Amino acid sequence: LITPTGIGDLITFHRSRADYAEMYATIASIIALSTLTLVFLQWVEVRVFRPESRGA
């Protein structure tokens, strides 16, 4: 997934096998994992780098 064609390669692979259910499951799991990662990073950012805790 880190390569420039990461998700595109997964879609092409599953489409060539006509495995649409697995293709959509892969896309949904990537979106879910990305969402959880971003929510966690936002929580860490607010918790650790809170503006009011810094002596601004």
N, C-alpha and C. Protein backbone atom coordinates (compact mmCIF):
# COMPACT_ATOMS: atom_id res chain seq x y z
N LEU A 1 0.81 -1.20 0.00
CA LEU A 1 0.00 0.00 0.00
C LEU A 1 0.85 1.26 0.00
N ILE A 2 2.11 1.12 0.29
CA ILE A 2 2.99 2.29 0.35
C ILE A 2 3.47 2.68 -1.05
N THR A 3 3.37 1.78 -2.00
CA THR A 3 3.81 2.09 -3.36
C THR A 3 2.82 3.02 -4.04
N PRO A 4 3.25 3.71 -5.10
CA PRO A 4 2.33 4.63 -5.80
C PRO A 4 1.09 3.93 -6.36
N THR A 5 1.22 2.65 -6.67
CA THR A 5 0.07 1.93 -7.24
C THR A 5 -0.49 0.90 -6.27
N GLY A 6 -0.27 1.07 -4.98
CA GLY A 6 -0.64 0.07 -3.98
C GLY A 6 -2.10 -0.35 -4.03
N ILE A 7 -3.00 0.59 -3.83
CA ILE A 7 -4.43 0.27 -3.84
C ILE A 7 -4.87 -0.09 -5.25
N GLY A 8 -4.32 0.57 -6.24
CA GLY A 8 -4.65 0.25 -7.63
C GLY A 8 -4.28 -1.18 -7.99
N ASP A 9 -3.13 -1.65 -7.49
CA ASP A 9 -2.73 -3.03 -7.74
C ASP A 9 -3.69 -4.01 -7.09
N LEU A 10 -4.14 -3.71 -5.88
CA LEU A 10 -5.11 -4.59 -5.22
C LEU A 10 -6.42 -4.65 -6.00
N ILE A 11 -6.89 -3.50 -6.45
CA ILE A 11 -8.14 -3.46 -7.21
C ILE A 11 -8.00 -4.22 -8.51
N THR A 12 -6.90 -4.01 -9.23
CA THR A 12 -6.69 -4.70 -10.50
C THR A 12 -6.58 -6.21 -10.30
N PHE A 13 -5.88 -6.63 -9.26
CA PHE A 13 -5.72 -8.06 -8.98
C PHE A 13 -7.07 -8.72 -8.73
N HIS A 14 -7.89 -8.13 -7.85
CA HIS A 14 -9.18 -8.74 -7.52
C HIS A 14 -10.15 -8.63 -8.69
N ARG A 15 -10.06 -7.57 -9.46
CA ARG A 15 -10.96 -7.43 -10.61
C ARG A 15 -10.60 -8.45 -11.69
N SER A 16 -9.32 -8.72 -11.88
CA SER A 16 -8.91 -9.71 -12.89
C SER A 16 -9.37 -11.11 -12.51
N ARG A 17 -9.52 -11.37 -11.23
CA ARG A 17 -10.02 -12.66 -10.77
C ARG A 17 -11.54 -12.66 -10.63
N ALA A 18 -12.18 -11.55 -10.91
CA ALA A 18 -13.64 -11.37 -10.76
C ALA A 18 -14.06 -11.66 -9.33
N ASP A 19 -13.24 -11.22 -8.39
CA ASP A 19 -13.53 -11.42 -6.97
C ASP A 19 -13.93 -10.08 -6.37
N TYR A 20 -15.11 -9.62 -6.76
CA TYR A 20 -15.54 -8.27 -6.39
C TYR A 20 -15.81 -8.13 -4.90
N ALA A 21 -16.35 -9.17 -4.27
CA ALA A 21 -16.63 -9.07 -2.84
C ALA A 21 -15.34 -8.85 -2.05
N GLU A 22 -14.30 -9.58 -2.40
CA GLU A 22 -13.03 -9.41 -1.71
C GLU A 22 -12.39 -8.06 -2.04
N MET A 23 -12.59 -7.58 -3.26
CA MET A 23 -12.05 -6.28 -3.65
C MET A 23 -12.69 -5.17 -2.81
N TYR A 24 -14.01 -5.21 -2.68
CA TYR A 24 -14.69 -4.19 -1.88
C TYR A 24 -14.37 -4.34 -0.40
N ALA A 25 -14.20 -5.56 0.07
CA ALA A 25 -13.82 -5.78 1.46
C ALA A 25 -12.42 -5.21 1.73
N THR A 26 -11.52 -5.37 0.77
CA THR A 26 -10.17 -4.82 0.91
C THR A 26 -10.21 -3.30 0.98
N ILE A 27 -10.98 -2.69 0.10
CA ILE A 27 -11.09 -1.23 0.09
C ILE A 27 -11.71 -0.74 1.39
N ALA A 28 -12.77 -1.40 1.85
CA ALA A 28 -13.43 -1.00 3.09
C ALA A 28 -12.49 -1.15 4.29
N SER A 29 -11.71 -2.22 4.32
CA SER A 29 -10.80 -2.41 5.45
C SER A 29 -9.67 -1.38 5.43
N ILE A 30 -9.21 -0.99 4.24
CA ILE A 30 -8.18 0.05 4.15
C ILE A 30 -8.74 1.38 4.65
N ILE A 31 -9.96 1.71 4.26
CA ILE A 31 -10.58 2.96 4.72
C ILE A 31 -10.78 2.93 6.23
N ALA A 32 -11.25 1.80 6.76
CA ALA A 32 -11.47 1.69 8.21
C ALA A 32 -10.16 1.81 8.98
N LEU A 33 -9.12 1.13 8.52
CA LEU A 33 -7.83 1.20 9.20
C LEU A 33 -7.25 2.61 9.13
N SER A 34 -7.40 3.26 7.99
CA SER A 34 -6.92 4.64 7.85
C SER A 34 -7.66 5.58 8.78
N THR A 35 -8.97 5.40 8.89
CA THR A 35 -9.77 6.23 9.78
C THR A 35 -9.35 6.05 11.23
N LEU A 36 -9.18 4.81 11.65
CA LEU A 36 -8.75 4.55 13.03
C LEU A 36 -7.37 5.13 13.30
N THR A 37 -6.47 5.03 12.34
CA THR A 37 -5.13 5.58 12.51
C THR A 37 -5.17 7.09 12.65
N LEU A 38 -5.96 7.75 11.81
CA LEU A 38 -6.06 9.21 11.89
C LEU A 38 -6.71 9.68 13.18
N VAL A 39 -7.74 8.96 13.64
CA VAL A 39 -8.40 9.32 14.90
C VAL A 39 -7.41 9.16 16.06
N PHE A 40 -6.65 8.08 16.05
CA PHE A 40 -5.66 7.87 17.10
C PHE A 40 -4.58 8.95 17.08
N LEU A 41 -4.08 9.28 15.91
CA LEU A 41 -3.05 10.32 15.81
C LEU A 41 -3.58 11.68 16.24
N GLN A 42 -4.83 11.96 15.93
CA GLN A 42 -5.43 13.22 16.37
C GLN A 42 -5.56 13.24 17.89
N TRP A 43 -5.94 12.11 18.48
CA TRP A 43 -6.05 12.02 19.93
C TRP A 43 -4.68 12.25 20.58
N VAL A 44 -3.64 11.63 20.02
CA VAL A 44 -2.28 11.81 20.56
C VAL A 44 -1.86 13.26 20.42
N GLU A 45 -2.15 13.86 19.29
CA GLU A 45 -1.77 15.26 19.07
C GLU A 45 -2.42 16.17 20.10
N VAL A 46 -3.69 15.99 20.34
CA VAL A 46 -4.40 16.83 21.31
C VAL A 46 -3.91 16.54 22.73
N ARG A 47 -3.69 15.28 23.02
CA ARG A 47 -3.29 14.88 24.37
C ARG A 47 -1.86 15.33 24.70
N VAL A 48 -0.95 15.18 23.76
CA VAL A 48 0.46 15.46 24.03
C VAL A 48 0.83 16.90 23.72
N PHE A 49 0.32 17.42 22.63
CA PHE A 49 0.70 18.76 22.19
C PHE A 49 -0.42 19.77 22.40
N ARG A 50 -1.11 19.65 23.50
CA ARG A 50 -2.21 20.56 23.81
C ARG A 50 -1.70 22.00 23.91
N PRO A 51 -2.34 22.94 23.21
CA PRO A 51 -1.83 24.33 23.21
C PRO A 51 -1.81 24.97 24.60
N GLU A 52 -2.80 24.68 25.43
CA GLU A 52 -2.84 25.33 26.74
C GLU A 52 -1.78 24.78 27.70
N SER A 53 -1.23 23.61 27.41
CA SER A 53 -0.18 23.07 28.27
C SER A 53 1.19 23.64 27.92
N ARG A 54 1.31 24.20 26.73
CA ARG A 54 2.57 24.86 26.35
C ARG A 54 2.53 26.30 26.86
N GLY A 55 3.62 26.81 27.26
CA GLY A 55 3.69 28.17 27.78
C GLY A 55 3.66 29.21 26.69
N ALA A 56 2.55 29.33 26.00
CA ALA A 56 2.44 30.26 24.87
C ALA A 56 2.34 31.61 25.35
